[in-house]
Amino acid sequence: MKKGFYNILKAKFLISSDAVQNWRFIVFCTLLAIVMIASSHSAERKVHRIAGLNHEVRELKNEFVDVRSALMKLKMESTLTGKMKGRGIAPSETPPYKIKIKVNK
């Protein structure tokens, strides 16, 4: 047991006569580790992009609600009446009436 542990520490498995198989395995494991790290970085990048887009969507929804409420205030009759008084235009005191045209056949 003690001799096997010292052989591992001295890296004799890398310089022995059958070391080619060990080197192949080490290179294979290294390539797998690199692919795994690249994949996790790609996934993290996508997660951060999705979070940023969600934040942007929330901001745009809030802006939409603010603009819509401002538009509703501008469309109110009292707001329009106040703005038109400055120009000398006032709402009509008499209600409108419907004109009917009779067609004789």
PDB file of N, CA and C in Angstrom:
ATOM      1  N   MET A   1       0.825  -1.195   0.000  1.00  0.00           N
ATOM      2  CA  MET A   1       0.000   0.000   0.000  1.00  0.00           C
ATOM      3  C   MET A   1       0.867   1.257   0.000  1.00  0.00           C
ATOM      4  N   LYS A   2       1.886   1.236   0.860  1.00  0.00           N
ATOM      5  CA  LYS A   2       2.763   2.392   0.978  1.00  0.00           C
ATOM      6  C   LYS A   2       3.543   2.625  -0.314  1.00  0.00           C
ATOM      7  N   LYS A   3       3.992   1.545  -0.955  1.00  0.00           N
ATOM      8  CA  LYS A   3       4.766   1.648  -2.181  1.00  0.00           C
ATOM      9  C   LYS A   3       3.898   2.183  -3.335  1.00  0.00           C
ATOM     10  N   GLY A   4       2.632   1.750  -3.397  1.00  0.00           N
ATOM     11  CA  GLY A   4       1.715   2.220  -4.442  1.00  0.00           C
ATOM     12  C   GLY A   4       1.420   3.703  -4.305  1.00  0.00           C
ATOM     13  N   PHE A   5       1.304   4.169  -3.054  1.00  0.00           N
ATOM     14  CA  PHE A   5       1.039   5.588  -2.815  1.00  0.00           C
ATOM     15  C   PHE A   5       2.231   6.440  -3.244  1.00  0.00           C
ATOM     16  N   TYR A   6       3.433   5.981  -2.934  1.00  0.00           N
ATOM     17  CA  TYR A   6       4.640   6.709  -3.344  1.00  0.00           C
ATOM     18  C   TYR A   6       4.791   6.718  -4.867  1.00  0.00           C
ATOM     19  N   ASN A   7       4.401   5.634  -5.518  1.00  0.00           N
ATOM     20  CA  ASN A   7       4.463   5.591  -6.987  1.00  0.00           C
ATOM     21  C   ASN A   7       3.523   6.626  -7.610  1.00  0.00           C
ATOM     22  N   ILE A   8       2.359   6.796  -6.986  1.00  0.00           N
ATOM     23  CA  ILE A   8       1.412   7.804  -7.492  1.00  0.00           C
ATOM     24  C   ILE A   8       1.976   9.197  -7.285  1.00  0.00           C
ATOM     25  N   LEU A   9       2.553   9.455  -6.102  1.00  0.00           N
ATOM     26  CA  LEU A   9       3.137  10.768  -5.830  1.00  0.00           C
ATOM     27  C   LEU A   9       4.324  11.078  -6.744  1.00  0.00           C
ATOM     28  N   LYS A  10       5.104  10.073  -7.075  1.00  0.00           N
ATOM     29  CA  LYS A  10       6.257  10.264  -7.948  1.00  0.00           C
ATOM     30  C   LYS A  10       5.854  10.283  -9.422  1.00  0.00           C
ATOM     31  N   ALA A  11       4.589  10.001  -9.710  1.00  0.00           N
ATOM     32  CA  ALA A  11       4.030   9.986 -11.067  1.00  0.00           C
ATOM     33  C   ALA A  11       4.710   8.949 -11.942  1.00  0.00           C
ATOM     34  N   LYS A  12       4.986   7.781 -11.387  1.00  0.00           N
ATOM     35  CA  LYS A  12       5.609   6.712 -12.162  1.00  0.00           C
ATOM     36  C   LYS A  12       4.647   6.162 -13.215  1.00  0.00           C
ATOM     37  N   PHE A  13       3.350   6.343 -12.996  1.00  0.00           N
ATOM     38  CA  PHE A  13       2.380   5.841 -13.975  1.00  0.00           C
ATOM     39  C   PHE A  13       2.446   6.632 -15.276  1.00  0.00           C
ATOM     40  N   LEU A  14       3.077   7.804 -15.250  1.00  0.00           N
ATOM     41  CA  LEU A  14       3.213   8.617 -16.458  1.00  0.00           C
ATOM     42  C   LEU A  14       4.487   8.328 -17.242  1.00  0.00           C
ATOM     43  N   ILE A  15       5.465   7.684 -16.615  1.00  0.00           N
ATOM     44  CA  ILE A  15       6.736   7.443 -17.301  1.00  0.00           C
ATOM     45  C   ILE A  15       7.052   5.961 -17.457  1.00  0.00           C
ATOM     46  N   SER A  16       6.150   5.111 -17.037  1.00  0.00           N
ATOM     47  CA  SER A  16       6.392   3.670 -17.180  1.00  0.00           C
ATOM     48  C   SER A  16       6.217   3.245 -18.629  1.00  0.00           C
ATOM     49  N   SER A  17       6.442   1.961 -18.895  1.00  0.00           N
ATOM     50  CA  SER A  17       6.398   1.460 -20.273  1.00  0.00           C
ATOM     51  C   SER A  17       4.986   1.500 -20.880  1.00  0.00           C
ATOM     52  N   ASP A  18       3.944   1.372 -20.084  1.00  0.00           N
ATOM     53  CA  ASP A  18       2.563   1.419 -20.602  1.00  0.00           C
ATOM     54  C   ASP A  18       1.925   2.791 -20.335  1.00  0.00           C
ATOM     55  N   ALA A  19       2.722   3.828 -20.324  1.00  0.00           N
ATOM     56  CA  ALA A  19       2.246   5.176 -20.006  1.00  0.00           C
ATOM     57  C   ALA A  19       1.391   5.779 -21.118  1.00  0.00           C
ATOM     58  N   VAL A  20       1.493   5.245 -22.337  1.00  0.00           N
ATOM     59  CA  VAL A  20       0.728   5.815 -23.462  1.00  0.00           C
ATOM     60  C   VAL A  20      -0.773   5.713 -23.184  1.00  0.00           C
ATOM     61  N   GLN A  21      -1.200   4.591 -22.648  1.00  0.00           N
ATOM     62  CA  GLN A  21      -2.622   4.440 -22.314  1.00  0.00           C
ATOM     63  C   GLN A  21      -3.034   5.427 -21.233  1.00  0.00           C
ATOM     64  N   ASN A  22      -2.176   5.625 -20.248  1.00  0.00           N
ATOM     65  CA  ASN A  22      -2.478   6.584 -19.183  1.00  0.00           C
ATOM     66  C   ASN A  22      -2.562   8.007 -19.732  1.00  0.00           C
ATOM     67  N   TRP A  23      -1.632   8.349 -20.626  1.00  0.00           N
ATOM     68  CA  TRP A  23      -1.646   9.688 -21.207  1.00  0.00           C
ATOM     69  C   TRP A  23      -2.904   9.905 -22.041  1.00  0.00           C
ATOM     70  N   ARG A  24      -3.314   8.900 -22.787  1.00  0.00           N
ATOM     71  CA  ARG A  24      -4.550   9.016 -23.578  1.00  0.00           C
ATOM     72  C   ARG A  24      -5.743   9.302 -22.671  1.00  0.00           C
ATOM     73  N   PHE A  25      -5.815   8.572 -21.571  1.00  0.00           N
ATOM     74  CA  PHE A  25      -6.925   8.762 -20.640  1.00  0.00           C
ATOM     75  C   PHE A  25      -6.878  10.160 -20.015  1.00  0.00           C
ATOM     76  N   ILE A  26      -5.697  10.618 -19.663  1.00  0.00           N
ATOM     77  CA  ILE A  26      -5.562  11.949 -19.055  1.00  0.00           C
ATOM     78  C   ILE A  26      -5.964  13.042 -20.058  1.00  0.00           C
ATOM     79  N   VAL A  27      -5.540  12.899 -21.303  1.00  0.00           N
ATOM     80  CA  VAL A  27      -5.917  13.880 -22.332  1.00  0.00           C
ATOM     81  C   VAL A  27      -7.420  13.838 -22.568  1.00  0.00           C
ATOM     82  N   PHE A  28      -8.024  12.664 -22.597  1.00  0.00           N
ATOM     83  CA  PHE A  28      -9.467  12.517 -22.770  1.00  0.00           C
ATOM     84  C   PHE A  28     -10.215  13.196 -21.629  1.00  0.00           C
ATOM     85  N   CYS A  29      -9.787  12.960 -20.397  1.00  0.00           N
ATOM     86  CA  CYS A  29     -10.437  13.580 -19.231  1.00  0.00           C
ATOM     87  C   CYS A  29     -10.285  15.102 -19.271  1.00  0.00           C
ATOM     88  N   THR A  30      -9.130  15.580 -19.707  1.00  0.00           N
ATOM     89  CA  THR A  30      -8.903  17.025 -19.811  1.00  0.00           C
ATOM     90  C   THR A  30      -9.833  17.648 -20.848  1.00  0.00           C
ATOM     91  N   LEU A  31      -9.971  16.986 -21.990  1.00  0.00           N
ATOM     92  CA  LEU A  31     -10.876  17.509 -23.027  1.00  0.00           C
ATOM     93  C   LEU A  31     -12.324  17.512 -22.538  1.00  0.00           C
ATOM     94  N   LEU A  32     -12.724  16.470 -21.826  1.00  0.00           N
ATOM     95  CA  LEU A  32     -14.082  16.447 -21.275  1.00  0.00           C
ATOM     96  C   LEU A  32     -14.291  17.579 -20.276  1.00  0.00           C
ATOM     97  N   ALA A  33     -13.291  17.836 -19.448  1.00  0.00           N
ATOM     98  CA  ALA A  33     -13.393  18.928 -18.470  1.00  0.00           C
ATOM     99  C   ALA A  33     -13.523  20.276 -19.174  1.00  0.00           C
ATOM    100  N   ILE A  34     -12.759  20.470 -20.248  1.00  0.00           N
ATOM    101  CA  ILE A  34     -12.827  21.730 -20.996  1.00  0.00           C
ATOM    102  C   ILE A  34     -14.203  21.915 -21.626  1.00  0.00           C
ATOM    103  N   VAL A  35     -14.742  20.853 -22.201  1.00  0.00           N
ATOM    104  CA  VAL A  35     -16.082  20.927 -22.806  1.00  0.00           C
ATOM    105  C   VAL A  35     -17.126  21.222 -21.742  1.00  0.00           C
ATOM    106  N   MET A  36     -17.015  20.601 -20.579  1.00  0.00           N
ATOM    107  CA  MET A  36     -17.972  20.822 -19.504  1.00  0.00           C
ATOM    108  C   MET A  36     -17.907  22.268 -19.002  1.00  0.00           C
ATOM    109  N   ILE A  37     -16.714  22.804 -18.852  1.00  0.00           N
ATOM    110  CA  ILE A  37     -16.563  24.185 -18.391  1.00  0.00           C
ATOM    111  C   ILE A  37     -17.134  25.152 -19.417  1.00  0.00           C
ATOM    112  N   ALA A  38     -16.863  24.913 -20.693  1.00  0.00           N
ATOM    113  CA  ALA A  38     -17.396  25.789 -21.754  1.00  0.00           C
ATOM    114  C   ALA A  38     -18.921  25.738 -21.779  1.00  0.00           C
ATOM    115  N   SER A  39     -19.472  24.558 -21.584  1.00  0.00           N
ATOM    116  CA  SER A  39     -20.926  24.413 -21.583  1.00  0.00           C
ATOM    117  C   SER A  39     -21.547  25.154 -20.401  1.00  0.00           C
ATOM    118  N   SER A  40     -20.935  25.055 -19.234  1.00  0.00           N
ATOM    119  CA  SER A  40     -21.493  25.750 -18.066  1.00  0.00           C
ATOM    120  C   SER A  40     -21.388  27.263 -18.234  1.00  0.00           C
ATOM    121  N   HIS A  41     -20.299  27.749 -18.841  1.00  0.00           N
ATOM    122  CA  HIS A  41     -20.182  29.190 -19.091  1.00  0.00           C
ATOM    123  C   HIS A  41     -21.251  29.652 -20.069  1.00  0.00           C
ATOM    124  N   SER A  42     -21.512  28.872 -21.074  1.00  0.00           N
ATOM    125  CA  SER A  42     -22.548  29.223 -22.044  1.00  0.00           C
ATOM    126  C   SER A  42     -23.926  29.281 -21.379  1.00  0.00           C
ATOM    127  N   ALA A  43     -24.202  28.311 -20.531  1.00  0.00           N
ATOM    128  CA  ALA A  43     -25.492  28.297 -19.823  1.00  0.00           C
ATOM    129  C   ALA A  43     -25.612  29.502 -18.899  1.00  0.00           C
ATOM    130  N   GLU A  44     -24.548  29.847 -18.201  1.00  0.00           N
ATOM    131  CA  GLU A  44     -24.569  31.013 -17.317  1.00  0.00           C
ATOM    132  C   GLU A  44     -24.803  32.293 -18.103  1.00  0.00           C
ATOM    133  N   ARG A  45     -24.163  32.408 -19.258  1.00  0.00           N
ATOM    134  CA  ARG A  45     -24.345  33.586 -20.104  1.00  0.00           C
ATOM    135  C   ARG A  45     -25.807  33.717 -20.519  1.00  0.00           C
ATOM    136  N   LYS A  46     -26.422  32.593 -20.878  1.00  0.00           N
ATOM    137  CA  LYS A  46     -27.832  32.628 -21.280  1.00  0.00           C
ATOM    138  C   LYS A  46     -28.733  33.004 -20.114  1.00  0.00           C
ATOM    139  N   VAL A  47     -28.435  32.499 -18.928  1.00  0.00           N
ATOM    140  CA  VAL A  47     -29.241  32.823 -17.747  1.00  0.00           C
ATOM    141  C   VAL A  47     -29.165  34.315 -17.452  1.00  0.00           C
ATOM    142  N   HIS A  48     -27.971  34.892 -17.533  1.00  0.00           N
ATOM    143  CA  HIS A  48     -27.828  36.324 -17.289  1.00  0.00           C
ATOM    144  C   HIS A  48     -28.544  37.144 -18.354  1.00  0.00           C
ATOM    145  N   ARG A  49     -28.497  36.692 -19.585  1.00  0.00           N
ATOM    146  CA  ARG A  49     -29.196  37.419 -20.664  1.00  0.00           C
ATOM    147  C   ARG A  49     -30.706  37.369 -20.450  1.00  0.00           C
ATOM    148  N   ILE A  50     -31.220  36.206 -20.052  1.00  0.00           N
ATOM    149  CA  ILE A  50     -32.656  36.072 -19.795  1.00  0.00           C
ATOM    150  C   ILE A  50     -33.069  36.968 -18.641  1.00  0.00           C
ATOM    151  N   ALA A  51     -32.268  37.029 -17.584  1.00  0.00           N
ATOM    152  CA  ALA A  51     -32.584  37.888 -16.441  1.00  0.00           C
ATOM    153  C   ALA A  51     -32.606  39.357 -16.867  1.00  0.00           C
ATOM    154  N   GLY A  52     -31.647  39.751 -17.689  1.00  0.00           N
ATOM    155  CA  GLY A  52     -31.622  41.132 -18.178  1.00  0.00           C
ATOM    156  C   GLY A  52     -32.834  41.464 -19.032  1.00  0.00           C
ATOM    157  N   LEU A  53     -33.226  40.533 -19.892  1.00  0.00           N
ATOM    158  CA  LEU A  53     -34.400  40.763 -20.739  1.00  0.00           C
ATOM    159  C   LEU A  53     -35.677  40.825 -19.901  1.00  0.00           C
ATOM    160  N   ASN A  54     -35.776  39.986 -18.876  1.00  0.00           N
ATOM    161  CA  ASN A  54     -36.946  40.040 -17.988  1.00  0.00           C
ATOM    162  C   ASN A  54     -37.023  41.387 -17.276  1.00  0.00           C
ATOM    163  N   HIS A  55     -35.886  41.894 -16.849  1.00  0.00           N
ATOM    164  CA  HIS A  55     -35.851  43.208 -16.197  1.00  0.00           C
ATOM    165  C   HIS A  55     -36.289  44.301 -17.169  1.00  0.00           C
ATOM    166  N   GLU A  56     -35.809  44.225 -18.401  1.00  0.00           N
ATOM    167  CA  GLU A  56     -36.189  45.207 -19.413  1.00  0.00           C
ATOM    168  C   GLU A  56     -37.687  45.146 -19.714  1.00  0.00           C
ATOM    169  N   VAL A  57     -38.240  43.937 -19.765  1.00  0.00           N
ATOM    170  CA  VAL A  57     -39.682  43.789 -20.018  1.00  0.00           C
ATOM    171  C   VAL A  57     -40.484  44.424 -18.887  1.00  0.00           C
ATOM    172  N   ARG A  58     -40.063  44.198 -17.628  1.00  0.00           N
ATOM    173  CA  ARG A  58     -40.765  44.814 -16.498  1.00  0.00           C
ATOM    174  C   ARG A  58     -40.719  46.337 -16.585  1.00  0.00           C
ATOM    175  N   GLU A  59     -39.563  46.890 -16.947  1.00  0.00           N
ATOM    176  CA  GLU A  59     -39.456  48.345 -17.076  1.00  0.00           C
ATOM    177  C   GLU A  59     -40.368  48.868 -18.176  1.00  0.00           C
ATOM    178  N   LEU A  60     -40.407  48.170 -19.316  1.00  0.00           N
ATOM    179  CA  LEU A  60     -41.268  48.612 -20.423  1.00  0.00           C
ATOM    180  C   LEU A  60     -42.749  48.513 -20.059  1.00  0.00           C
ATOM    181  N   LYS A  61     -43.126  47.486 -19.302  1.00  0.00           N
ATOM    182  CA  LYS A  61     -44.530  47.372 -18.866  1.00  0.00           C
ATOM    183  C   LYS A  61     -44.891  48.525 -17.944  1.00  0.00           C
ATOM    184  N   ASN A  62     -43.994  48.870 -17.024  1.00  0.00           N
ATOM    185  CA  ASN A  62     -44.251  49.997 -16.125  1.00  0.00           C
ATOM    186  C   ASN A  62     -44.372  51.303 -16.897  1.00  0.00           C
ATOM    187  N   GLU A  63     -43.512  51.498 -17.880  1.00  0.00           N
ATOM    188  CA  GLU A  63     -43.576  52.703 -18.698  1.00  0.00           C
ATOM    189  C   GLU A  63     -44.887  52.755 -19.483  1.00  0.00           C
ATOM    190  N   PHE A  64     -45.323  51.595 -19.997  1.00  0.00           N
ATOM    191  CA  PHE A  64     -46.588  51.529 -20.738  1.00  0.00           C
ATOM    192  C   PHE A  64     -47.754  51.930 -19.845  1.00  0.00           C
ATOM    193  N   VAL A  65     -47.775  51.424 -18.604  1.00  0.00           N
ATOM    194  CA  VAL A  65     -48.862  51.753 -17.686  1.00  0.00           C
ATOM    195  C   VAL A  65     -48.852  53.247 -17.367  1.00  0.00           C
ATOM    196  N   ASP A  66     -47.669  53.826 -17.161  1.00  0.00           N
ATOM    197  CA  ASP A  66     -47.576  55.261 -16.872  1.00  0.00           C
ATOM    198  C   ASP A  66     -48.082  56.098 -18.042  1.00  0.00           C
ATOM    199  N   VAL A  67     -47.670  55.759 -19.249  1.00  0.00           N
ATOM    200  CA  VAL A  67     -48.094  56.525 -20.423  1.00  0.00           C
ATOM    201  C   VAL A  67     -49.593  56.368 -20.653  1.00  0.00           C
ATOM    202  N   ARG A  68     -50.105  55.165 -20.445  1.00  0.00           N
ATOM    203  CA  ARG A  68     -51.540  54.946 -20.638  1.00  0.00           C
ATOM    204  C   ARG A  68     -52.358  55.748 -19.630  1.00  0.00           C
ATOM    205  N   SER A  69     -51.914  55.802 -18.366  1.00  0.00           N
ATOM    206  CA  SER A  69     -52.655  56.583 -17.377  1.00  0.00           C
ATOM    207  C   SER A  69     -52.577  58.081 -17.692  1.00  0.00           C
ATOM    208  N   ALA A  70     -51.417  58.549 -18.182  1.00  0.00           N
ATOM    209  CA  ALA A  70     -51.312  59.963 -18.574  1.00  0.00           C
ATOM    210  C   ALA A  70     -52.241  60.268 -19.746  1.00  0.00           C
ATOM    211  N   LEU A  71     -52.344  59.348 -20.698  1.00  0.00           N
ATOM    212  CA  LEU A  71     -53.243  59.528 -21.840  1.00  0.00           C
ATOM    213  C   LEU A  71     -54.692  59.576 -21.389  1.00  0.00           C
ATOM    214  N   MET A  72     -55.057  58.721 -20.455  1.00  0.00           N
ATOM    215  CA  MET A  72     -56.440  58.721 -19.961  1.00  0.00           C
ATOM    216  C   MET A  72     -56.771  60.053 -19.281  1.00  0.00           C
ATOM    217  N   LYS A  73     -55.800  60.621 -18.563  1.00  0.00           N
ATOM    218  CA  LYS A  73     -56.029  61.916 -17.930  1.00  0.00           C
ATOM    219  C   LYS A  73     -56.199  63.005 -18.989  1.00  0.00           C
ATOM    220  N   LEU A  74     -55.404  62.927 -20.061  1.00  0.00           N
ATOM    221  CA  LEU A  74     -55.513  63.927 -21.120  1.00  0.00           C
ATOM    222  C   LEU A  74     -56.828  63.816 -21.879  1.00  0.00           C
ATOM    223  N   LYS A  75     -57.395  62.644 -21.969  1.00  0.00           N
ATOM    224  CA  LYS A  75     -58.631  62.436 -22.725  1.00  0.00           C
ATOM    225  C   LYS A  75     -59.882  62.797 -21.924  1.00  0.00           C
ATOM    226  N   MET A  76     -59.733  63.055 -20.634  1.00  0.00           N
ATOM    227  CA  MET A  76     -60.913  63.362 -19.809  1.00  0.00           C
ATOM    228  C   MET A  76     -61.527  64.688 -20.254  1.00  0.00           C
ATOM    229  N   GLU A  77     -62.849  64.778 -20.159  1.00  0.00           N
ATOM    230  CA  GLU A  77     -63.560  65.970 -20.619  1.00  0.00           C
ATOM    231  C   GLU A  77     -63.161  67.195 -19.824  1.00  0.00           C
ATOM    232  N   SER A  78     -62.931  67.035 -18.551  1.00  0.00           N
ATOM    233  CA  SER A  78     -62.569  68.187 -17.728  1.00  0.00           C
ATOM    234  C   SER A  78     -61.201  68.749 -18.140  1.00  0.00           C
ATOM    235  N   THR A  79     -60.276  67.895 -18.496  1.00  0.00           N
ATOM    236  CA  THR A  79     -58.964  68.358 -18.942  1.00  0.00           C
ATOM    237  C   THR A  79     -59.085  69.094 -20.275  1.00  0.00           C
ATOM    238  N   LEU A  80     -59.864  68.511 -21.187  1.00  0.00           N
ATOM    239  CA  LEU A  80     -60.052  69.168 -22.493  1.00  0.00           C
ATOM    240  C   LEU A  80     -60.762  70.515 -22.347  1.00  0.00           C
ATOM    241  N   THR A  81     -61.761  70.574 -21.479  1.00  0.00           N
ATOM    242  CA  THR A  81     -62.490  71.830 -21.271  1.00  0.00           C
ATOM    243  C   THR A  81     -61.555  72.894 -20.722  1.00  0.00           C
ATOM    244  N   GLY A  82     -60.698  72.521 -19.764  1.00  0.00           N
ATOM    245  CA  GLY A  82     -59.764  73.489 -19.187  1.00  0.00           C
ATOM    246  C   GLY A  82     -58.775  74.007 -20.217  1.00  0.00           C
ATOM    247  N   LYS A  83     -58.282  73.142 -21.096  1.00  0.00           N
ATOM    248  CA  LYS A  83     -57.309  73.574 -22.111  1.00  0.00           C
ATOM    249  C   LYS A  83     -57.974  74.437 -23.189  1.00  0.00           C
ATOM    250  N   MET A  84     -59.219  74.163 -23.514  1.00  0.00           N
ATOM    251  CA  MET A  84     -59.904  74.923 -24.568  1.00  0.00           C
ATOM    252  C   MET A  84     -60.394  76.275 -24.060  1.00  0.00           C
ATOM    253  N   LYS A  85     -60.580  76.438 -22.746  1.00  0.00           N
ATOM    254  CA  LYS A  85     -61.005  77.745 -22.225  1.00  0.00           C
ATOM    255  C   LYS A  85     -59.950  78.801 -22.510  1.00  0.00           C
ATOM    256  N   GLY A  86     -58.696  78.413 -22.488  1.00  0.00           N
ATOM    257  CA  GLY A  86     -57.617  79.352 -22.803  1.00  0.00           C
ATOM    258  C   GLY A  86     -57.709  79.861 -24.237  1.00  0.00           C
ATOM    259  N   ARG A  87     -58.287  79.098 -25.121  1.00  0.00           N
ATOM    260  CA  ARG A  87     -58.459  79.491 -26.530  1.00  0.00           C
ATOM    261  C   ARG A  87     -59.810  80.130 -26.794  1.00  0.00           C
ATOM    262  N   GLY A  88     -60.651  80.163 -25.779  1.00  0.00           N
ATOM    263  CA  GLY A  88     -61.963  80.781 -25.942  1.00  0.00           C
ATOM    264  C   GLY A  88     -63.017  79.819 -26.442  1.00  0.00           C
ATOM    265  N   ILE A  89     -62.780  78.544 -26.363  1.00  0.00           N
ATOM    266  CA  ILE A  89     -63.761  77.558 -26.814  1.00  0.00           C
ATOM    267  C   ILE A  89     -64.365  76.908 -25.569  1.00  0.00           C
ATOM    268  N   ALA A  90     -65.687  76.879 -25.522  1.00  0.00           N
ATOM    269  CA  ALA A  90     -66.377  76.295 -24.374  1.00  0.00           C
ATOM    270  C   ALA A  90     -67.299  75.187 -24.862  1.00  0.00           C
ATOM    271  N   PRO A  91     -67.650  74.255 -23.987  1.00  0.00           N
ATOM    272  CA  PRO A  91     -68.581  73.198 -24.410  1.00  0.00           C
ATOM    273  C   PRO A  91     -69.978  73.775 -24.674  1.00  0.00           C
ATOM    274  N   SER A  92     -70.698  73.123 -25.531  1.00  0.00           N
ATOM    275  CA  SER A  92     -72.035  73.582 -25.916  1.00  0.00           C
ATOM    276  C   SER A  92     -73.007  73.422 -24.753  1.00  0.00           C
ATOM    277  N   GLU A  93     -73.889  74.416 -24.604  1.00  0.00           N
ATOM    278  CA  GLU A  93     -74.898  74.362 -23.547  1.00  0.00           C
ATOM    279  C   GLU A  93     -76.114  73.554 -23.984  1.00  0.00           C
ATOM    280  N   THR A  94     -76.382  73.528 -25.289  1.00  0.00           N
ATOM    281  CA  THR A  94     -77.538  72.775 -25.790  1.00  0.00           C
ATOM    282  C   THR A  94     -77.059  71.427 -26.308  1.00  0.00           C
ATOM    283  N   PRO A  95     -77.796  70.396 -25.982  1.00  0.00           N
ATOM    284  CA  PRO A  95     -77.380  69.071 -26.448  1.00  0.00           C
ATOM    285  C   PRO A  95     -77.589  68.937 -27.958  1.00  0.00           C
ATOM    286  N   PRO A  96     -76.830  68.079 -28.606  1.00  0.00           N
ATOM    287  CA  PRO A  96     -77.003  67.893 -30.050  1.00  0.00           C
ATOM    288  C   PRO A  96     -78.307  67.151 -30.347  1.00  0.00           C
ATOM    289  N   TYR A  97     -78.807  67.332 -31.536  1.00  0.00           N
ATOM    290  CA  TYR A  97     -80.010  66.605 -31.936  1.00  0.00           C
ATOM    291  C   TYR A  97     -79.742  65.896 -33.252  1.00  0.00           C
ATOM    292  N   LYS A  98     -80.505  64.856 -33.477  1.00  0.00           N
ATOM    293  CA  LYS A  98     -80.292  64.006 -34.630  1.00  0.00           C
ATOM    294  C   LYS A  98     -81.162  64.504 -35.803  1.00  0.00           C
ATOM    295  N   ILE A  99     -80.556  64.559 -36.951  1.00  0.00           N
ATOM    296  CA  ILE A  99     -81.256  64.989 -38.161  1.00  0.00           C
ATOM    297  C   ILE A  99     -81.653  63.735 -38.928  1.00  0.00           C
ATOM    298  N   LYS A 100     -82.936  63.610 -39.191  1.00  0.00           N
ATOM    299  CA  LYS A 100     -83.442  62.467 -39.943  1.00  0.00           C
ATOM    300  C   LYS A 100     -83.872  62.946 -41.336  1.00  0.00           C
ATOM    301  N   ILE A 101     -83.458  62.218 -42.335  1.00  0.00           N
ATOM    302  CA  ILE A 101     -83.835  62.540 -43.695  1.00  0.00           C
ATOM    303  C   ILE A 101     -84.742  61.429 -44.192  1.00  0.00           C
ATOM    304  N   LYS A 102     -85.907  61.845 -44.678  1.00  0.00           N
ATOM    305  CA  LYS A 102     -86.858  60.873 -45.191  1.00  0.00           C
ATOM    306  C   LYS A 102     -86.726  60.823 -46.695  1.00  0.00           C
ATOM    307  N   VAL A 103     -86.623  59.604 -47.203  1.00  0.00           N
ATOM    308  CA  VAL A 103     -86.493  59.427 -48.621  1.00  0.00           C
ATOM    309  C   VAL A 103     -87.851  58.973 -49.142  1.00  0.00           C
ATOM    310  N   ASN A 104     -88.431  59.736 -50.097  1.00  0.00           N
ATOM    311  CA  ASN A 104     -89.720  59.367 -50.684  1.00  0.00           C
ATOM    312  C   ASN A 104     -89.494  58.452 -51.867  1.00  0.00           C
ATOM    313  N   LYS A 105     -90.189  57.337 -51.868  1.00  0.00           N
ATOM    314  CA  LYS A 105     -90.060  56.395 -52.959  1.00  0.00           C
ATOM    315  C   LYS A 105     -91.333  56.269 -53.717  1.00  0.00           C
TER     316      LYS A 105
END
